[in-house]
Amino acid sequence: MKTIVLDTQKRHFPNNETVDVFSTLFLALKKAGKPIPVHDIWIAATAIESAGVLITYDKHFSAITGLRIWNA
């Protein structure tokens, strides 16, 4: 089993830019007919806005353009 150490000191809280990214993603996914859970759109928006990498098993995140994903 691999051990992954994450920097637990970094925190990112949503701000106006996060809201802008969220609304862009939400509308793009809705237009494309690829809705995903709203909570996951917030997670993706936060990762994009903070230039982070999302570690996930959920395949539906691959529908989001601009999201950097590390498939665990």
C-alpha atoms as a PDB file:
ATOM      1  CA  MET A   1       0.000   0.000   0.000  1.00  0.00           C
ATOM      2  CA  LYS A   2       1.277   3.451  -0.912  1.00  0.00           C
ATOM      3  CA  THR A   3       1.465   6.154   1.698  1.00  0.00           C
ATOM      4  CA  ILE A   4       0.645   9.618   0.427  1.00  0.00           C
ATOM      5  CA  VAL A   5       1.488  12.607   2.574  1.00  0.00           C
ATOM      6  CA  LEU A   6      -0.600  15.679   1.902  1.00  0.00           C
ATOM      7  CA  ASP A   7       0.093  19.170   3.124  1.00  0.00           C
ATOM      8  CA  THR A   8      -2.631  19.531   5.725  1.00  0.00           C
ATOM      9  CA  GLN A   9      -1.743  23.134   6.535  1.00  0.00           C
ATOM     10  CA  LYS A  10      -3.069  24.622   3.297  1.00  0.00           C
ATOM     11  CA  ARG A  11      -6.670  25.725   3.388  1.00  0.00           C
ATOM     12  CA  HIS A  12      -8.653  27.268   0.586  1.00  0.00           C
ATOM     13  CA  PHE A  13     -11.984  28.881   1.202  1.00  0.00           C
ATOM     14  CA  PRO A  14     -14.398  29.818  -1.580  1.00  0.00           C
ATOM     15  CA  ASN A  15     -14.323  33.431  -2.719  1.00  0.00           C
ATOM     16  CA  ASN A  16     -15.815  35.443  -5.596  1.00  0.00           C
ATOM     17  CA  GLU A  17     -13.496  33.788  -8.121  1.00  0.00           C
ATOM     18  CA  THR A  18     -14.596  30.356  -6.908  1.00  0.00           C
ATOM     19  CA  VAL A  19     -18.227  31.377  -7.413  1.00  0.00           C
ATOM     20  CA  ASP A  20     -17.428  32.523 -10.968  1.00  0.00           C
ATOM     21  CA  VAL A  21     -15.735  29.203 -11.766  1.00  0.00           C
ATOM     22  CA  PHE A  22     -18.641  27.295 -10.202  1.00  0.00           C
ATOM     23  CA  SER A  23     -21.257  29.102 -12.281  1.00  0.00           C
ATOM     24  CA  THR A  24     -19.252  28.608 -15.488  1.00  0.00           C
ATOM     25  CA  LEU A  25     -18.853  24.878 -14.777  1.00  0.00           C
ATOM     26  CA  PHE A  26     -22.482  24.434 -13.759  1.00  0.00           C
ATOM     27  CA  LEU A  27     -23.813  26.048 -16.930  1.00  0.00           C
ATOM     28  CA  ALA A  28     -21.319  24.246 -19.207  1.00  0.00           C
ATOM     29  CA  LEU A  29     -22.181  20.844 -17.729  1.00  0.00           C
ATOM     30  CA  LYS A  30     -25.908  21.570 -17.961  1.00  0.00           C
ATOM     31  CA  LYS A  31     -25.617  22.655 -21.620  1.00  0.00           C
ATOM     32  CA  ALA A  32     -23.554  19.574 -22.437  1.00  0.00           C
ATOM     33  CA  GLY A  33     -26.146  17.321 -20.785  1.00  0.00           C
ATOM     34  CA  LYS A  34     -23.544  16.029 -18.316  1.00  0.00           C
ATOM     35  CA  PRO A  35     -24.809  17.150 -14.922  1.00  0.00           C
ATOM     36  CA  ILE A  36     -22.887  16.027 -11.864  1.00  0.00           C
ATOM     37  CA  PRO A  37     -23.768  16.552  -8.191  1.00  0.00           C
ATOM     38  CA  VAL A  38     -23.657  20.215  -7.158  1.00  0.00           C
ATOM     39  CA  HIS A  39     -21.307  19.474  -4.260  1.00  0.00           C
ATOM     40  CA  ASP A  40     -18.830  17.980  -6.714  1.00  0.00           C
ATOM     41  CA  ILE A  41     -19.011  21.086  -8.894  1.00  0.00           C
ATOM     42  CA  TRP A  42     -18.053  23.149  -5.835  1.00  0.00           C
ATOM     43  CA  ILE A  43     -15.119  20.818  -5.184  1.00  0.00           C
ATOM     44  CA  ALA A  44     -13.986  21.125  -8.807  1.00  0.00           C
ATOM     45  CA  ALA A  45     -14.407  24.911  -8.798  1.00  0.00           C
ATOM     46  CA  THR A  46     -12.289  25.207  -5.653  1.00  0.00           C
ATOM     47  CA  ALA A  47      -9.571  22.978  -7.135  1.00  0.00           C
ATOM     48  CA  ILE A  48      -9.501  24.938 -10.410  1.00  0.00           C
ATOM     49  CA  GLU A  49      -9.527  28.352  -8.736  1.00  0.00           C
ATOM     50  CA  SER A  50      -6.712  27.403  -6.370  1.00  0.00           C
ATOM     51  CA  ALA A  51      -4.681  25.688  -9.147  1.00  0.00           C
ATOM     52  CA  GLY A  52      -4.875  22.443  -7.208  1.00  0.00           C
ATOM     53  CA  VAL A  53      -5.021  18.812  -8.249  1.00  0.00           C
ATOM     54  CA  LEU A  54      -8.094  16.795  -7.307  1.00  0.00           C
ATOM     55  CA  ILE A  55      -7.434  13.272  -6.050  1.00  0.00           C
ATOM     56  CA  THR A  56     -10.501  11.155  -6.741  1.00  0.00           C
ATOM     57  CA  TYR A  57     -11.985   7.828  -7.749  1.00  0.00           C
ATOM     58  CA  ASP A  58     -15.083   9.503  -9.243  1.00  0.00           C
ATOM     59  CA  LYS A  59     -15.063   9.280 -13.027  1.00  0.00           C
ATOM     60  CA  HIS A  60     -17.617  12.057 -13.537  1.00  0.00           C
ATOM     61  CA  PHE A  61     -14.966  14.673 -12.719  1.00  0.00           C
ATOM     62  CA  SER A  62     -13.388  13.891 -16.099  1.00  0.00           C
ATOM     63  CA  ALA A  63     -16.291  15.791 -17.718  1.00  0.00           C
ATOM     64  CA  ILE A  64     -14.909  19.050 -16.295  1.00  0.00           C
ATOM     65  CA  THR A  65     -12.602  20.946 -18.611  1.00  0.00           C
ATOM     66  CA  GLY A  66      -9.633  22.567 -16.901  1.00  0.00           C
ATOM     67  CA  LEU A  67      -9.695  20.343 -13.823  1.00  0.00           C
ATOM     68  CA  ARG A  68      -6.419  18.623 -13.027  1.00  0.00           C
ATOM     69  CA  ILE A  69      -7.166  15.122 -11.754  1.00  0.00           C
ATOM     70  CA  TRP A  70      -4.992  12.512 -10.123  1.00  0.00           C
ATOM     71  CA  ASN A  71      -6.922   9.260 -10.351  1.00  0.00           C
ATOM     72  CA  ALA A  72      -6.202   7.510  -7.087  1.00  0.00           C
END
